[in-house]
Amino acid sequence: VQLQASGGGLVQAGGSLRLSCVVSSMSFSNYYLGWFRQAPGKQRELVARIPSSGTVNYGDSVKGRFTVSRDNAKKTVYLQMNSLKPEDTAVYYCNAMGPRLEGVFNWGRGTQVTVSS
């Protein structure tokens, strides 16, 4: 399974970006999906998760600013990021998640988001 994240870039604080991630798998619609991020020198953290059906969840640091969604027909998961802050600067990745909310597949390159102050 390949994970191809895109949509990152350089944006000023307060701006918005929309990330996309295509998951090349016939089982996409069954996956519990997550968006993760990793800032330099920090551990990878889970910022948003969306099940195949049911309630989405967000990390406390992004609640009210980020929105996760999915399109099963396009095998794509999205992350709409508004009111961006410099501390949102990181490489963003998507992945399917296992029972301990760990990433299941190889991570891929991710997409860089840089927020300037």
PDB file of N, CA and C in Angstrom:
ATOM      1  N   VAL A   1       0.846  -1.185   0.000  1.00  0.00           N
ATOM      2  CA  VAL A   1       0.000   0.000   0.000  1.00  0.00           C
ATOM      3  C   VAL A   1       0.886   1.240   0.000  1.00  0.00           C
ATOM      4  N   GLN A   2       0.559   2.179  -0.875  1.00  0.00           N
ATOM      5  CA  GLN A   2       1.307   3.437  -0.932  1.00  0.00           C
ATOM      6  C   GLN A   2       0.456   4.576  -0.382  1.00  0.00           C
ATOM      7  N   LEU A   3       1.118   5.479   0.314  1.00  0.00           N
ATOM      8  CA  LEU A   3       0.466   6.654   0.880  1.00  0.00           C
ATOM      9  C   LEU A   3       1.085   7.885   0.237  1.00  0.00           C
ATOM     10  N   GLN A   4       0.290   8.686  -0.453  1.00  0.00           N
ATOM     11  CA  GLN A   4       0.813   9.866  -1.156  1.00  0.00           C
ATOM     12  C   GLN A   4       0.120  11.105  -0.623  1.00  0.00           C
ATOM     13  N   ALA A   5       0.821  11.807   0.245  1.00  0.00           N
ATOM     14  CA  ALA A   5       0.291  13.046   0.808  1.00  0.00           C
ATOM     15  C   ALA A   5       0.746  14.231  -0.041  1.00  0.00           C
ATOM     16  N   SER A   6      -0.114  15.226  -0.155  1.00  0.00           N
ATOM     17  CA  SER A   6       0.208  16.428  -0.925  1.00  0.00           C
ATOM     18  C   SER A   6      -0.575  17.611  -0.370  1.00  0.00           C
ATOM     19  N   GLY A   7      -0.230  18.792  -0.869  1.00  0.00           N
ATOM     20  CA  GLY A   7      -0.968  19.987  -0.495  1.00  0.00           C
ATOM     21  C   GLY A   7      -0.277  20.886   0.495  1.00  0.00           C
ATOM     22  N   GLY A   8       0.877  20.465   0.984  1.00  0.00           N
ATOM     23  CA  GLY A   8       1.607  21.307   1.922  1.00  0.00           C
ATOM     24  C   GLY A   8       2.217  22.516   1.238  1.00  0.00           C
ATOM     25  N   GLY A   9       2.818  23.370   2.045  1.00  0.00           N
ATOM     26  CA  GLY A   9       3.452  24.561   1.500  1.00  0.00           C
ATOM     27  C   GLY A   9       3.799  25.537   2.594  1.00  0.00           C
ATOM     28  N   LEU A  10       4.144  26.736   2.171  1.00  0.00           N
ATOM     29  CA  LEU A  10       4.496  27.821   3.088  1.00  0.00           C
ATOM     30  C   LEU A  10       3.308  28.771   3.176  1.00  0.00           C
ATOM     31  N   VAL A  11       2.878  29.058   4.384  1.00  0.00           N
ATOM     32  CA  VAL A  11       1.721  29.924   4.575  1.00  0.00           C
ATOM     33  C   VAL A  11       1.970  30.814   5.790  1.00  0.00           C
ATOM     34  N   GLN A  12       1.381  31.984   5.791  1.00  0.00           N
ATOM     35  CA  GLN A  12       1.510  32.866   6.941  1.00  0.00           C
ATOM     36  C   GLN A  12       0.569  32.419   8.063  1.00  0.00           C
ATOM     37  N   ALA A  13       0.932  32.788   9.269  1.00  0.00           N
ATOM     38  CA  ALA A  13       0.071  32.504  10.409  1.00  0.00           C
ATOM     39  C   ALA A  13      -1.328  33.067  10.158  1.00  0.00           C
ATOM     40  N   GLY A  14      -2.333  32.267  10.502  1.00  0.00           N
ATOM     41  CA  GLY A  14      -3.709  32.647  10.254  1.00  0.00           C
ATOM     42  C   GLY A  14      -4.254  32.131   8.933  1.00  0.00           C
ATOM     43  N   GLY A  15      -3.381  31.629   8.095  1.00  0.00           N
ATOM     44  CA  GLY A  15      -3.788  31.135   6.793  1.00  0.00           C
ATOM     45  C   GLY A  15      -4.339  29.716   6.842  1.00  0.00           C
ATOM     46  N   SER A  16      -4.627  29.186   5.649  1.00  0.00           N
ATOM     47  CA  SER A  16      -5.239  27.865   5.520  1.00  0.00           C
ATOM     48  C   SER A  16      -4.516  27.031   4.466  1.00  0.00           C
ATOM     49  N   LEU A  17      -4.589  25.741   4.646  1.00  0.00           N
ATOM     50  CA  LEU A  17      -4.122  24.775   3.656  1.00  0.00           C
ATOM     51  C   LEU A  17      -5.054  23.574   3.686  1.00  0.00           C
ATOM     52  N   ARG A  18      -5.140  22.895   2.563  1.00  0.00           N
ATOM     53  CA  ARG A  18      -5.901  21.649   2.501  1.00  0.00           C
ATOM     54  C   ARG A  18      -4.970  20.537   2.036  1.00  0.00           C
ATOM     55  N   LEU A  19      -4.762  19.571   2.880  1.00  0.00           N
ATOM     56  CA  LEU A  19      -3.917  18.435   2.548  1.00  0.00           C
ATOM     57  C   LEU A  19      -4.766  17.296   2.002  1.00  0.00           C
ATOM     58  N   SER A  20      -4.176  16.531   1.100  1.00  0.00           N
ATOM     59  CA  SER A  20      -4.829  15.350   0.554  1.00  0.00           C
ATOM     60  C   SER A  20      -3.876  14.167   0.704  1.00  0.00           C
ATOM     61  N   CYS A  21      -4.438  12.994   0.829  1.00  0.00           N
ATOM     62  CA  CYS A  21      -3.602  11.796   0.887  1.00  0.00           C
ATOM     63  C   CYS A  21      -4.339  10.667   0.186  1.00  0.00           C
ATOM     64  N   VAL A  22      -3.717  10.156  -0.865  1.00  0.00           N
ATOM     65  CA  VAL A  22      -4.282   9.030  -1.597  1.00  0.00           C
ATOM     66  C   VAL A  22      -3.691   7.744  -1.034  1.00  0.00           C
ATOM     67  N   VAL A  23      -4.556   6.815  -0.716  1.00  0.00           N
ATOM     68  CA  VAL A  23      -4.141   5.513  -0.168  1.00  0.00           C
ATOM     69  C   VAL A  23      -4.457   4.456  -1.221  1.00  0.00           C
ATOM     70  N   SER A  24      -3.434   3.869  -1.774  1.00  0.00           N
ATOM     71  CA  SER A  24      -3.626   2.950  -2.898  1.00  0.00           C
ATOM     72  C   SER A  24      -3.967   1.557  -2.372  1.00  0.00           C
ATOM     73  N   SER A  25      -5.219   1.358  -2.004  1.00  0.00           N
ATOM     74  CA  SER A  25      -5.646   0.067  -1.482  1.00  0.00           C
ATOM     75  C   SER A  25      -7.110  -0.174  -1.819  1.00  0.00           C
ATOM     76  N   MET A  26      -7.413  -1.400  -2.187  1.00  0.00           N
ATOM     77  CA  MET A  26      -8.801  -1.770  -2.476  1.00  0.00           C
ATOM     78  C   MET A  26      -9.651  -1.747  -1.206  1.00  0.00           C
ATOM     79  N   SER A  27      -8.987  -1.795  -0.043  1.00  0.00           N
ATOM     80  CA  SER A  27      -9.722  -1.850   1.227  1.00  0.00           C
ATOM     81  C   SER A  27      -9.867  -0.486   1.878  1.00  0.00           C
ATOM     82  N   PHE A  28      -9.629   0.574   1.117  1.00  0.00           N
ATOM     83  CA  PHE A  28      -9.614   1.933   1.678  1.00  0.00           C
ATOM     84  C   PHE A  28     -10.842   2.215   2.528  1.00  0.00           C
ATOM     85  N   SER A  29     -12.012   1.868   2.040  1.00  0.00           N
ATOM     86  CA  SER A  29     -13.245   2.239   2.739  1.00  0.00           C
ATOM     87  C   SER A  29     -13.350   1.591   4.124  1.00  0.00           C
ATOM     88  N   ASN A  30     -12.588   0.542   4.368  1.00  0.00           N
ATOM     89  CA  ASN A  30     -12.649  -0.141   5.665  1.00  0.00           C
ATOM     90  C   ASN A  30     -11.675   0.426   6.690  1.00  0.00           C
ATOM     91  N   TYR A  31     -10.757   1.274   6.238  1.00  0.00           N
ATOM     92  CA  TYR A  31      -9.679   1.707   7.121  1.00  0.00           C
ATOM     93  C   TYR A  31     -10.113   2.798   8.087  1.00  0.00           C
ATOM     94  N   TYR A  32      -9.563   2.703   9.273  1.00  0.00           N
ATOM     95  CA  TYR A  32      -9.593   3.798  10.228  1.00  0.00           C
ATOM     96  C   TYR A  32      -8.352   4.621   9.888  1.00  0.00           C
ATOM     97  N   LEU A  33      -8.529   5.847   9.490  1.00  0.00           N
ATOM     98  CA  LEU A  33      -7.437   6.658   8.938  1.00  0.00           C
ATOM     99  C   LEU A  33      -7.048   7.762   9.904  1.00  0.00           C
ATOM    100  N   GLY A  34      -5.795   8.112   9.839  1.00  0.00           N
ATOM    101  CA  GLY A  34      -5.322   9.194  10.692  1.00  0.00           C
ATOM    102  C   GLY A  34      -4.388  10.121   9.949  1.00  0.00           C
ATOM    103  N   TRP A  35      -4.381  11.378  10.360  1.00  0.00           N
ATOM    104  CA  TRP A  35      -3.366  12.339   9.954  1.00  0.00           C
ATOM    105  C   TRP A  35      -2.418  12.518  11.140  1.00  0.00           C
ATOM    106  N   PHE A  36      -1.147  12.434  10.826  1.00  0.00           N
ATOM    107  CA  PHE A  36      -0.099  12.574  11.820  1.00  0.00           C
ATOM    108  C   PHE A  36       0.817  13.714  11.389  1.00  0.00           C
ATOM    109  N   ARG A  37       1.588  14.200  12.316  1.00  0.00           N
ATOM    110  CA  ARG A  37       2.609  15.178  11.959  1.00  0.00           C
ATOM    111  C   ARG A  37       3.846  14.984  12.819  1.00  0.00           C
ATOM    112  N   GLN A  38       4.968  15.403  12.243  1.00  0.00           N
ATOM    113  CA  GLN A  38       6.225  15.312  12.968  1.00  0.00           C
ATOM    114  C   GLN A  38       7.030  16.579  12.730  1.00  0.00           C
ATOM    115  N   ALA A  39       7.263  17.300  13.802  1.00  0.00           N
ATOM    116  CA  ALA A  39       8.077  18.501  13.748  1.00  0.00           C
ATOM    117  C   ALA A  39       9.527  18.114  14.022  1.00  0.00           C
ATOM    118  N   PRO A  40      10.480  18.939  13.579  1.00  0.00           N
ATOM    119  CA  PRO A  40      11.896  18.623  13.804  1.00  0.00           C
ATOM    120  C   PRO A  40      12.196  18.399  15.274  1.00  0.00           C
ATOM    121  N   GLY A  41      12.863  17.290  15.569  1.00  0.00           N
ATOM    122  CA  GLY A  41      13.256  16.996  16.938  1.00  0.00           C
ATOM    123  C   GLY A  41      12.145  16.494  17.827  1.00  0.00           C
ATOM    124  N   LYS A  42      10.980  16.270  17.259  1.00  0.00           N
ATOM    125  CA  LYS A  42       9.840  15.826  18.075  1.00  0.00           C
ATOM    126  C   LYS A  42       9.315  14.489  17.563  1.00  0.00           C
ATOM    127  N   GLN A  43       8.570  13.811  18.411  1.00  0.00           N
ATOM    128  CA  GLN A  43       7.954  12.553  18.010  1.00  0.00           C
ATOM    129  C   GLN A  43       6.753  12.815  17.109  1.00  0.00           C
ATOM    130  N   ARG A  44       6.462  11.847  16.298  1.00  0.00           N
ATOM    131  CA  ARG A  44       5.269  11.924  15.454  1.00  0.00           C
ATOM    132  C   ARG A  44       4.031  11.916  16.344  1.00  0.00           C
ATOM    133  N   GLU A  45       3.081  12.780  16.043  1.00  0.00           N
ATOM    134  CA  GLU A  45       1.853  12.842  16.833  1.00  0.00           C
ATOM    135  C   GLU A  45       0.641  12.709  15.927  1.00  0.00           C
ATOM    136  N   LEU A  46      -0.396  12.132  16.498  1.00  0.00           N
ATOM    137  CA  LEU A  46      -1.661  11.971  15.794  1.00  0.00           C
ATOM    138  C   LEU A  46      -2.484  13.237  15.987  1.00  0.00           C
ATOM    139  N   VAL A  47      -2.914  13.857  14.897  1.00  0.00           N
ATOM    140  CA  VAL A  47      -3.663  15.108  15.017  1.00  0.00           C
ATOM    141  C   VAL A  47      -5.134  14.948  14.698  1.00  0.00           C
ATOM    142  N   ALA A  48      -5.493  13.961  13.883  1.00  0.00           N
ATOM    143  CA  ALA A  48      -6.900  13.774  13.529  1.00  0.00           C
ATOM    144  C   ALA A  48      -7.096  12.333  13.082  1.00  0.00           C
ATOM    145  N   ARG A  49      -8.282  11.797  13.370  1.00  0.00           N
ATOM    146  CA  ARG A  49      -8.564  10.428  12.947  1.00  0.00           C
ATOM    147  C   ARG A  49     -10.015  10.316  12.545  1.00  0.00           C
ATOM    148  N   ILE A  50     -10.229   9.487  11.524  1.00  0.00           N
ATOM    149  CA  ILE A  50     -11.566   9.334  10.971  1.00  0.00           C
ATOM    150  C   ILE A  50     -11.807   7.858  10.697  1.00  0.00           C
ATOM    151  N   PRO A  51     -12.839   7.302  11.321  1.00  0.00           N
ATOM    152  CA  PRO A  51     -13.126   5.883  11.105  1.00  0.00           C
ATOM    153  C   PRO A  51     -13.836   5.672   9.778  1.00  0.00           C
ATOM    154  N   SER A  52     -14.065   4.400   9.445  1.00  0.00           N
ATOM    155  CA  SER A  52     -14.820   4.101   8.227  1.00  0.00           C
ATOM    156  C   SER A  52     -16.247   4.643   8.355  1.00  0.00           C
ATOM    157  N   SER A  53     -16.758   4.646   9.570  1.00  0.00           N
ATOM    158  CA  SER A  53     -18.022   5.319   9.860  1.00  0.00           C
ATOM    159  C   SER A  53     -18.002   5.686  11.328  1.00  0.00           C
ATOM    160  N   GLY A  54     -18.663   6.787  11.669  1.00  0.00           N
ATOM    161  CA  GLY A  54     -18.679   7.192  13.070  1.00  0.00           C
ATOM    162  C   GLY A  54     -18.000   8.519  13.310  1.00  0.00           C
ATOM    163  N   THR A  55     -17.617   8.725  14.529  1.00  0.00           N
ATOM    164  CA  THR A  55     -17.158  10.037  14.986  1.00  0.00           C
ATOM    165  C   THR A  55     -15.682  10.251  14.696  1.00  0.00           C
ATOM    166  N   VAL A  56     -15.375  11.438  14.218  1.00  0.00           N
ATOM    167  CA  VAL A  56     -13.977  11.804  14.027  1.00  0.00           C
ATOM    168  C   VAL A  56     -13.445  12.383  15.343  1.00  0.00           C
ATOM    169  N   ASN A  57     -12.129  12.348  15.489  1.00  0.00           N
ATOM    170  CA  ASN A  57     -11.492  12.869  16.683  1.00  0.00           C
ATOM    171  C   ASN A  57     -10.289  13.718  16.313  1.00  0.00           C
ATOM    172  N   TYR A  58      -9.990  14.680  17.182  1.00  0.00           N
ATOM    173  CA  TYR A  58      -8.883  15.591  16.933  1.00  0.00           C
ATOM    174  C   TYR A  58      -8.007  15.706  18.172  1.00  0.00           C
ATOM    175  N   GLY A  59      -6.737  15.965  17.931  1.00  0.00           N
ATOM    176  CA  GLY A  59      -5.863  16.297  19.034  1.00  0.00           C
ATOM    177  C   GLY A  59      -6.240  17.657  19.605  1.00  0.00           C
ATOM    178  N   ASP A  60      -5.932  17.850  20.863  1.00  0.00           N
ATOM    179  CA  ASP A  60      -6.321  19.103  21.525  1.00  0.00           C
ATOM    180  C   ASP A  60      -5.714  20.323  20.847  1.00  0.00           C
ATOM    181  N   SER A  61      -4.524  20.172  20.297  1.00  0.00           N
ATOM    182  CA  SER A  61      -3.838  21.324  19.723  1.00  0.00           C
ATOM    183  C   SER A  61      -4.461  21.796  18.412  1.00  0.00           C
ATOM    184  N   VAL A  62      -5.305  20.998  17.795  1.00  0.00           N
ATOM    185  CA  VAL A  62      -5.874  21.376  16.495  1.00  0.00           C
ATOM    186  C   VAL A  62      -7.398  21.457  16.521  1.00  0.00           C
ATOM    187  N   LYS A  63      -8.000  21.121  17.637  1.00  0.00           N
ATOM    188  CA  LYS A  63      -9.463  21.132  17.725  1.00  0.00           C
ATOM    189  C   LYS A  63     -10.005  22.514  17.389  1.00  0.00           C
ATOM    190  N   GLY A  64     -11.055  22.531  16.572  1.00  0.00           N
ATOM    191  CA  GLY A  64     -11.673  23.798  16.198  1.00  0.00           C
ATOM    192  C   GLY A  64     -11.005  24.478  15.021  1.00  0.00           C
ATOM    193  N   ARG A  65      -9.835  23.983  14.619  1.00  0.00           N
ATOM    194  CA  ARG A  65      -9.110  24.594  13.499  1.00  0.00           C
ATOM    195  C   ARG A  65      -8.957  23.643  12.318  1.00  0.00           C
ATOM    196  N   PHE A  66      -8.827  22.368  12.587  1.00  0.00           N
ATOM    197  CA  PHE A  66      -8.617  21.368  11.534  1.00  0.00           C
ATOM    198  C   PHE A  66      -9.878  20.534  11.362  1.00  0.00           C
ATOM    199  N   THR A  67     -10.111  20.098  10.114  1.00  0.00           N
ATOM    200  CA  THR A  67     -11.234  19.233   9.808  1.00  0.00           C
ATOM    201  C   THR A  67     -10.764  18.096   8.920  1.00  0.00           C
ATOM    202  N   VAL A  68     -11.043  16.876   9.338  1.00  0.00           N
ATOM    203  CA  VAL A  68     -10.657  15.704   8.553  1.00  0.00           C
ATOM    204  C   VAL A  68     -11.890  15.172   7.835  1.00  0.00           C
ATOM    205  N   SER A  69     -11.694  14.689   6.620  1.00  0.00           N
ATOM    206  CA  SER A  69     -12.788  14.104   5.851  1.00  0.00           C
ATOM    207  C   SER A  69     -12.204  13.052   4.919  1.00  0.00           C
ATOM    208  N   ARG A  70     -13.072  12.283   4.297  1.00  0.00           N
ATOM    209  CA  ARG A  70     -12.606  11.235   3.398  1.00  0.00           C
ATOM    210  C   ARG A  70     -13.570  11.078   2.238  1.00  0.00           C
ATOM    211  N   ASP A  71     -13.014  10.613   1.131  1.00  0.00           N
ATOM    212  CA  ASP A  71     -13.807  10.290  -0.057  1.00  0.00           C
ATOM    213  C   ASP A  71     -13.433   8.862  -0.445  1.00  0.00           C
ATOM    214  N   ASN A  72     -14.277   7.933  -0.114  1.00  0.00           N
ATOM    215  CA  ASN A  72     -13.946   6.534  -0.355  1.00  0.00           C
ATOM    216  C   ASN A  72     -13.839   6.225  -1.846  1.00  0.00           C
ATOM    217  N   ALA A  73     -14.637   6.883  -2.657  1.00  0.00           N
ATOM    218  CA  ALA A  73     -14.582   6.636  -4.100  1.00  0.00           C
ATOM    219  C   ALA A  73     -13.234   7.046  -4.677  1.00  0.00           C
ATOM    220  N   LYS A  74     -12.647   8.091  -4.109  1.00  0.00           N
ATOM    221  CA  LYS A  74     -11.345   8.578  -4.592  1.00  0.00           C
ATOM    222  C   LYS A  74     -10.186   8.006  -3.771  1.00  0.00           C
ATOM    223  N   LYS A  75     -10.503   7.209  -2.762  1.00  0.00           N
ATOM    224  CA  LYS A  75      -9.474   6.632  -1.883  1.00  0.00           C
ATOM    225  C   LYS A  75      -8.571   7.726  -1.323  1.00  0.00           C
ATOM    226  N   THR A  76      -9.196   8.778  -0.896  1.00  0.00           N
ATOM    227  CA  THR A  76      -8.451   9.958  -0.459  1.00  0.00           C
ATOM    228  C   THR A  76      -8.993  10.444   0.891  1.00  0.00           C
ATOM    229  N   VAL A  77      -8.057  10.825   1.755  1.00  0.00           N
ATOM    230  CA  VAL A  77      -8.413  11.463   3.017  1.00  0.00           C
ATOM    231  C   VAL A  77      -7.866  12.879   2.985  1.00  0.00           C
ATOM    232  N   TYR A  78      -8.616  13.811   3.543  1.00  0.00           N
ATOM    233  CA  TYR A  78      -8.279  15.224   3.494  1.00  0.00           C
ATOM    234  C   TYR A  78      -8.085  15.786   4.900  1.00  0.00           C
ATOM    235  N   LEU A  79      -7.310  16.854   4.966  1.00  0.00           N
ATOM    236  CA  LEU A  79      -7.181  17.598   6.217  1.00  0.00           C
ATOM    237  C   LEU A  79      -7.240  19.082   5.871  1.00  0.00           C
ATOM    238  N   GLN A  80      -8.352  19.700   6.217  1.00  0.00           N
ATOM    239  CA  GLN A  80      -8.505  21.141   6.053  1.00  0.00           C
ATOM    240  C   GLN A  80      -7.952  21.817   7.292  1.00  0.00           C
ATOM    241  N   MET A  81      -6.962  22.677   7.098  1.00  0.00           N
ATOM    242  CA  MET A  81      -6.292  23.325   8.219  1.00  0.00           C
ATOM    243  C   MET A  81      -6.521  24.830   8.121  1.00  0.00           C
ATOM    244  N   ASN A  82      -7.188  25.380   9.102  1.00  0.00           N
ATOM    245  CA  ASN A  82      -7.467  26.818   9.164  1.00  0.00           C
ATOM    246  C   ASN A  82      -6.777  27.429  10.370  1.00  0.00           C
ATOM    247  N   SER A  83      -6.689  28.737  10.367  1.00  0.00           N
ATOM    248  CA  SER A  83      -6.083  29.479  11.489  1.00  0.00           C
ATOM    249  C   SER A  83      -4.741  28.876  11.875  1.00  0.00           C
ATOM    250  N   LEU A  84      -3.918  28.648  10.888  1.00  0.00           N
ATOM    251  CA  LEU A  84      -2.642  27.987  11.130  1.00  0.00           C
ATOM    252  C   LEU A  84      -1.725  28.829  12.004  1.00  0.00           C
ATOM    253  N   LYS A  85      -0.952  28.112  12.810  1.00  0.00           N
ATOM    254  CA  LYS A  85      -0.015  28.727  13.739  1.00  0.00           C
ATOM    255  C   LYS A  85       1.397  28.237  13.422  1.00  0.00           C
ATOM    256  N   PRO A  86       2.413  29.012  13.807  1.00  0.00           N
ATOM    257  CA  PRO A  86       3.790  28.542  13.571  1.00  0.00           C
ATOM    258  C   PRO A  86       4.049  27.159  14.174  1.00  0.00           C
ATOM    259  N   GLU A  87       3.425  26.842  15.283  1.00  0.00           N
ATOM    260  CA  GLU A  87       3.637  25.536  15.907  1.00  0.00           C
ATOM    261  C   GLU A  87       2.995  24.380  15.142  1.00  0.00           C
ATOM    262  N   ASP A  88       2.256  24.696  14.096  1.00  0.00           N
ATOM    263  CA  ASP A  88       1.728  23.647  13.215  1.00  0.00           C
ATOM    264  C   ASP A  88       2.764  23.208  12.181  1.00  0.00           C
ATOM    265  N   THR A  89       3.876  23.896  12.138  1.00  0.00           N
ATOM    266  CA  THR A  89       4.934  23.548  11.186  1.00  0.00           C
ATOM    267  C   THR A  89       5.448  22.134  11.443  1.00  0.00           C
ATOM    268  N   ALA A  90       5.387  21.298  10.412  1.00  0.00           N
ATOM    269  CA  ALA A  90       5.761  19.887  10.544  1.00  0.00           C
ATOM    270  C   ALA A  90       5.625  19.219   9.180  1.00  0.00           C
ATOM    271  N   VAL A  91       6.105  17.992   9.112  1.00  0.00           N
ATOM    272  CA  VAL A  91       5.779  17.137   7.977  1.00  0.00           C
ATOM    273  C   VAL A  91       4.521  16.358   8.356  1.00  0.00           C
ATOM    274  N   TYR A  92       3.538  16.393   7.476  1.00  0.00           N
ATOM    275  CA  TYR A  92       2.254  15.750   7.729  1.00  0.00           C
ATOM    276  C   TYR A  92       2.151  14.455   6.925  1.00  0.00           C
ATOM    277  N   TYR A  93       1.638  13.433   7.576  1.00  0.00           N
ATOM    278  CA  TYR A  93       1.488  12.115   6.983  1.00  0.00           C
ATOM    279  C   TYR A  93       0.079  11.593   7.232  1.00  0.00           C
ATOM    280  N   CYS A  94      -0.382  10.741   6.345  1.00  0.00           N
ATOM    281  CA  CYS A  94      -1.596   9.986   6.656  1.00  0.00           C
ATOM    282  C   CYS A  94      -1.202   8.519   6.764  1.00  0.00           C
ATOM    283  N   ASN A  95      -2.069   7.758   7.415  1.00  0.00           N
ATOM    284  CA  ASN A  95      -1.859   6.311   7.494  1.00  0.00           C
ATOM    285  C   ASN A  95      -3.152   5.657   7.962  1.00  0.00           C
ATOM    286  N   ALA A  96      -3.276   4.382   7.677  1.00  0.00           N
ATOM    287  CA  ALA A  96      -4.309   3.593   8.331  1.00  0.00           C
ATOM    288  C   ALA A  96      -3.815   3.299   9.737  1.00  0.00           C
ATOM    289  N   MET A  97      -4.746   3.105  10.652  1.00  0.00           N
ATOM    290  CA  MET A  97      -4.349   2.940  12.047  1.00  0.00           C
ATOM    291  C   MET A  97      -4.732   1.581  12.581  1.00  0.00           C
ATOM    292  N   GLY A  98      -3.856   1.056  13.414  1.00  0.00           N
ATOM    293  CA  GLY A  98      -4.115  -0.196  14.089  1.00  0.00           C
ATOM    294  C   GLY A  98      -4.816   0.027  15.419  1.00  0.00           C
ATOM    295  N   PRO A  99      -4.977  -1.015  16.212  1.00  0.00           N
ATOM    296  CA  PRO A  99      -5.745  -0.928  17.466  1.00  0.00           C
ATOM    297  C   PRO A  99      -5.146   0.001  18.512  1.00  0.00           C
ATOM    298  N   ARG A 100      -3.858   0.262  18.420  1.00  0.00           N
ATOM    299  CA  ARG A 100      -3.234   1.206  19.362  1.00  0.00           C
ATOM    300  C   ARG A 100      -3.001   2.552  18.700  1.00  0.00           C
ATOM    301  N   LEU A 101      -3.737   2.811  17.650  1.00  0.00           N
ATOM    302  CA  LEU A 101      -3.667   4.060  16.899  1.00  0.00           C
ATOM    303  C   LEU A 101      -2.292   4.282  16.297  1.00  0.00           C
ATOM    304  N   GLU A 102      -1.588   3.192  16.047  1.00  0.00           N
ATOM    305  CA  GLU A 102      -0.289   3.285  15.386  1.00  0.00           C
ATOM    306  C   GLU A 102      -0.495   3.215  13.885  1.00  0.00           C
ATOM    307  N   GLY A 103       0.434   3.752  13.139  1.00  0.00           N
ATOM    308  CA  GLY A 103       0.373   3.643  11.693  1.00  0.00           C
ATOM    309  C   GLY A 103       0.639   2.221  11.252  1.00  0.00           C
ATOM    310  N   VAL A 104      -0.096   1.782  10.232  1.00  0.00           N
ATOM    311  CA  VAL A 104      -0.017   0.393   9.802  1.00  0.00           C
ATOM    312  C   VAL A 104       0.955   0.213   8.639  1.00  0.00           C
ATOM    313  N   PHE A 105       0.920   1.137   7.693  1.00  0.00           N
ATOM    314  CA  PHE A 105       1.716   0.989   6.477  1.00  0.00           C
ATOM    315  C   PHE A 105       2.978   1.843   6.546  1.00  0.00           C
ATOM    316  N   ASN A 106       3.879   1.592   5.591  1.00  0.00           N
ATOM    317  CA  ASN A 106       5.060   2.446   5.491  1.00  0.00           C
ATOM    318  C   ASN A 106       4.616   3.892   5.300  1.00  0.00           C
ATOM    319  N   TRP A 107       5.334   4.822   5.921  1.00  0.00           N
ATOM    320  CA  TRP A 107       4.851   6.180   6.055  1.00  0.00           C
ATOM    321  C   TRP A 107       4.867   7.023   4.792  1.00  0.00           C
ATOM    322  N   GLY A 108       5.705   6.739   3.886  1.00  0.00           N
ATOM    323  CA  GLY A 108       5.815   7.607   2.721  1.00  0.00           C
ATOM    324  C   GLY A 108       6.526   8.906   3.072  1.00  0.00           C
ATOM    325  N   ARG A 109       6.561   9.841   2.139  1.00  0.00           N
ATOM    326  CA  ARG A 109       7.343  11.078   2.313  1.00  0.00           C
ATOM    327  C   ARG A 109       6.605  12.137   3.120  1.00  0.00           C
ATOM    328  N   GLY A 110       5.324  12.064   3.163  1.00  0.00           N
ATOM    329  CA  GLY A 110       4.578  13.122   3.825  1.00  0.00           C
ATOM    330  C   GLY A 110       4.591  14.406   3.000  1.00  0.00           C
ATOM    331  N   THR A 111       4.024  15.452   3.571  1.00  0.00           N
ATOM    332  CA  THR A 111       4.013  16.759   2.911  1.00  0.00           C
ATOM    333  C   THR A 111       4.366  17.828   3.942  1.00  0.00           C
ATOM    334  N   GLN A 112       5.276  18.705   3.565  1.00  0.00           N
ATOM    335  CA  GLN A 112       5.796  19.711   4.493  1.00  0.00           C
ATOM    336  C   GLN A 112       4.837  20.893   4.602  1.00  0.00           C
ATOM    337  N   VAL A 113       4.513  21.249   5.815  1.00  0.00           N
ATOM    338  CA  VAL A 113       3.736  22.459   6.094  1.00  0.00           C
ATOM    339  C   VAL A 113       4.607  23.390   6.919  1.00  0.00           C
ATOM    340  N   THR A 114       4.783  24.598   6.426  1.00  0.00           N
ATOM    341  CA  THR A 114       5.572  25.595   7.145  1.00  0.00           C
ATOM    342  C   THR A 114       4.719  26.843   7.337  1.00  0.00           C
ATOM    343  N   VAL A 115       4.563  27.240   8.589  1.00  0.00           N
ATOM    344  CA  VAL A 115       3.753  28.409   8.919  1.00  0.00           C
ATOM    345  C   VAL A 115       4.675  29.483   9.461  1.00  0.00           C
ATOM    346  N   SER A 116       4.703  30.608   8.767  1.00  0.00           N
ATOM    347  CA  SER A 116       5.569  31.713   9.193  1.00  0.00           C
ATOM    348  C   SER A 116       4.798  32.677  10.085  1.00  0.00           C
ATOM    349  N   SER A 117       5.528  33.288  11.004  1.00  0.00           N
ATOM    350  CA  SER A 117       4.875  34.208  11.947  1.00  0.00           C
ATOM    351  C   SER A 117       4.848  35.622  11.415  1.00  0.00           C
TER     352      SER A 117
END
